[in-house]
């Protein structure tokens, strides 16, 4: 095992992919850590960083939660007898209490389940899943204004501290 692979599968949280658009498009209420059921070729592709989470979301089917729309591009060196479906629906692994709570929020309160990040934890792939509500256009503008104001305030404070 090389040093890079030892670092990735070690106890540290090495991020595989992030969904940067999710924080802009959704107001995040709560976050959950979920395992994900993968096939062997998918794990190899993840080690190479060949995943896109931008258009993915989680859906509820039959009392279970599945990741839908995540694209894991297979490696060229994948086995010839494996038929690789890069956008297949993957099962998310959560505790029953968490699943029941999420199902209730999604079905009754109109929340959406959005993946925020995919990372290694103790040699296993984990998904950072968020319970979120979609933002309206005016909410997005307000968030951007708040961010700009905080940045300007920080800049002014730094200049003030340097002058003193």
Protein backbone atom coordinates (compact mmCIF):
# COMPACT_ATOMS: atom_id res chain seq x y z
CA UNK A 1 0.00 0.00 0.00
CA UNK A 2 1.45 3.36 -0.95
CA UNK A 3 1.58 6.30 1.42
CA UNK A 4 -1.23 8.03 -0.46
CA UNK A 5 -3.54 5.01 -0.15
CA UNK A 6 -2.58 4.53 3.50
CA UNK A 7 -3.60 8.14 4.14
CA UNK A 8 -6.88 7.78 2.24
CA UNK A 9 -8.00 4.63 4.03
CA UNK A 10 -6.68 5.67 7.43
CA UNK A 11 -8.53 7.24 10.29
CA UNK A 12 -8.42 10.73 8.72
CA UNK A 13 -11.33 12.08 6.71
CA UNK A 14 -10.05 12.25 3.14
CA UNK A 15 -12.72 13.89 0.99
CA UNK A 16 -13.48 12.15 -2.28
CA UNK A 17 -16.04 14.62 -3.69
CA UNK A 18 -18.15 17.57 -2.58
CA UNK A 19 -21.46 18.95 -3.78
CA UNK A 20 -20.62 22.66 -3.69
CA UNK A 21 -23.83 23.68 -5.42
CA UNK A 22 -25.97 22.20 -2.64
CA UNK A 23 -25.20 24.99 -0.14
CA UNK A 24 -26.22 27.59 -2.73
CA UNK A 25 -29.41 25.87 -3.87
CA UNK A 26 -30.68 24.56 -0.50
CA UNK A 27 -31.08 25.70 3.08
CA UNK A 28 -29.53 22.90 5.15
CA UNK A 29 -31.36 21.96 8.34
CA UNK A 30 -29.60 18.83 9.57
CA UNK A 31 -26.74 16.54 8.53
CA UNK A 32 -26.37 12.76 8.74
CA UNK A 33 -23.49 10.39 8.09
CA UNK A 34 -24.55 7.44 5.96
CA UNK A 35 -22.73 4.43 4.63
CA UNK A 36 -23.19 3.54 0.98
CA UNK A 37 -23.47 0.10 -0.65
CA UNK A 38 -20.95 -0.02 -3.51
CA UNK A 39 -19.64 -2.59 -5.95
CA UNK A 40 -15.92 -3.32 -6.29
CA UNK A 41 -15.40 -1.36 -9.51
CA UNK A 42 -17.10 1.66 -7.90
CA UNK A 43 -14.66 1.69 -4.98
CA UNK A 44 -11.74 1.59 -7.43
CA UNK A 45 -13.25 4.47 -9.40
CA UNK A 46 -13.75 6.45 -6.17
CA UNK A 47 -10.09 5.99 -5.27
CA UNK A 48 -9.32 7.59 -8.65
CA UNK A 49 -11.78 10.41 -7.85
CA UNK A 50 -14.19 9.68 -10.70
CA UNK A 51 -17.50 10.79 -9.16
CA UNK A 52 -19.95 13.64 -9.63
CA UNK A 53 -22.51 14.51 -6.92
CA UNK A 54 -23.85 17.73 -8.47
CA UNK A 55 -27.15 16.34 -9.79
CA UNK A 56 -27.72 13.69 -7.14
CA UNK A 57 -30.28 13.41 -4.37
CA UNK A 58 -31.65 10.74 -2.05
CA UNK A 59 -35.07 9.13 -2.49
CA UNK A 60 -37.25 7.00 -0.24
CA UNK A 61 -38.43 3.61 -1.54
CA UNK A 62 -40.03 0.89 0.52
CA UNK A 63 -38.82 2.17 3.87
CA UNK A 64 -35.22 2.51 2.67
CA UNK A 65 -33.18 5.44 1.38
CA UNK A 66 -31.32 5.34 -1.95
CA UNK A 67 -28.83 7.68 -3.62
CA UNK A 68 -30.10 8.62 -7.06
CA UNK A 69 -28.28 10.44 -9.85
CA UNK A 70 -24.70 10.18 -8.57
CA UNK A 71 -22.36 9.42 -11.46
CA UNK A 72 -19.38 7.16 -10.82
CA UNK A 73 -17.45 6.83 -14.07
CA UNK A 74 -15.90 3.37 -14.40
CA UNK A 75 -12.18 2.97 -14.95
CA UNK A 76 -11.00 1.68 -18.30
CA UNK A 77 -9.24 -1.15 -16.50
CA UNK A 78 -12.51 -2.38 -14.94
CA UNK A 79 -13.19 -6.05 -15.31
CA UNK A 80 -14.61 -7.15 -18.66
CA UNK A 81 -17.29 -9.38 -17.14
CA UNK A 82 -18.77 -6.52 -15.09
CA UNK A 83 -21.45 -4.40 -16.75
CA UNK A 84 -20.83 -0.98 -15.22
CA UNK A 85 -23.86 1.30 -14.84
CA UNK A 86 -22.40 4.67 -13.89
CA UNK A 87 -25.72 6.19 -12.68
CA UNK A 88 -27.22 3.23 -10.88
CA UNK A 89 -29.27 3.77 -7.72
CA UNK A 90 -27.18 2.97 -4.63
CA UNK A 91 -28.54 2.03 -1.21
CA UNK A 92 -27.66 4.26 1.75
CA UNK A 93 -26.95 2.61 5.09
CA UNK A 94 -28.44 4.34 8.13
CA UNK A 95 -29.86 3.26 11.48
CA UNK A 96 -33.59 2.41 11.45
CA UNK A 97 -34.43 5.34 13.77
CA UNK A 98 -32.63 7.78 11.47
CA UNK A 99 -34.38 6.34 8.41
CA UNK A 100 -37.82 6.63 10.05
CA UNK A 101 -37.12 10.21 11.10
CA UNK A 102 -35.90 11.17 7.62
CA UNK A 103 -38.87 9.52 5.93
CA UNK A 104 -41.24 11.47 8.19
CA UNK A 105 -39.51 14.78 7.42
CA UNK A 106 -39.43 14.13 3.67
CA UNK A 107 -43.00 12.89 3.31
CA UNK A 108 -44.79 15.18 5.78
CA UNK A 109 -42.72 18.36 5.96
CA UNK A 110 -41.53 18.61 2.34
CA UNK A 111 -37.79 18.33 2.94
CA UNK A 112 -35.28 17.02 0.40
CA UNK A 113 -32.31 14.72 1.04
CA UNK A 114 -29.17 16.09 -0.61
CA UNK A 115 -25.66 14.58 -0.55
CA UNK A 116 -23.06 17.15 0.52
CA UNK A 117 -19.82 15.17 0.43
CA UNK A 118 -18.35 11.72 -0.03
CA UNK A 119 -15.30 10.78 2.05
CA UNK A 120 -13.22 7.93 3.47
CA UNK A 121 -13.62 7.07 7.15
CA UNK A 122 -11.73 4.12 8.61
CA UNK A 123 -11.34 2.57 5.17
CA UNK A 124 -15.04 2.84 4.36
CA UNK A 125 -16.87 5.27 2.08
CA UNK A 126 -19.25 7.59 3.93
CA UNK A 127 -21.77 10.07 2.58
CA UNK A 128 -22.60 13.36 4.29
CA UNK A 129 -26.38 13.56 3.78
CA UNK A 130 -28.32 16.76 4.46
CA UNK A 131 -31.97 17.32 5.26
CA UNK A 132 -32.67 20.50 3.30
CA UNK A 133 -35.31 22.80 1.86
CA UNK A 134 -34.94 24.49 -1.52
CA UNK A 135 -34.13 28.19 -1.55
CA UNK A 136 -36.12 30.72 -3.55
CA UNK A 137 -34.28 33.23 -5.75
CA UNK A 138 -34.64 36.02 -3.17
CA UNK A 139 -33.20 33.74 -0.45
CA UNK A 140 -30.13 33.10 -2.61
CA UNK A 141 -29.63 36.82 -3.14
CA UNK A 142 -29.96 37.51 0.59
CA UNK A 143 -27.40 34.81 1.41
CA UNK A 144 -25.01 36.34 -1.09
CA UNK A 145 -25.52 39.82 0.41
CA UNK A 146 -24.89 38.48 3.92
CA UNK A 147 -21.72 36.74 2.75
CA UNK A 148 -20.46 39.91 1.03
CA UNK A 149 -21.24 42.00 4.11
CA UNK A 150 -19.36 39.57 6.39
CA UNK A 151 -16.38 39.67 4.02
CA UNK A 152 -16.41 43.49 3.92
CA UNK A 153 -16.73 43.68 7.71
CA UNK A 154 -13.75 41.31 8.12
CA UNK A 155 -11.70 43.39 5.66
CA UNK A 156 -12.52 46.62 7.54
CA UNK A 157 -11.61 45.07 10.90
CA UNK A 158 -8.25 43.86 9.54
CA UNK A 159 -7.45 47.34 8.20
CA UNK A 160 -8.49 48.92 11.48
CA UNK A 161 -6.32 46.50 13.50
CA UNK A 162 -3.30 47.18 11.25
CA UNK A 163 -3.69 50.95 11.67
CA UNK A 164 -3.84 50.69 15.47
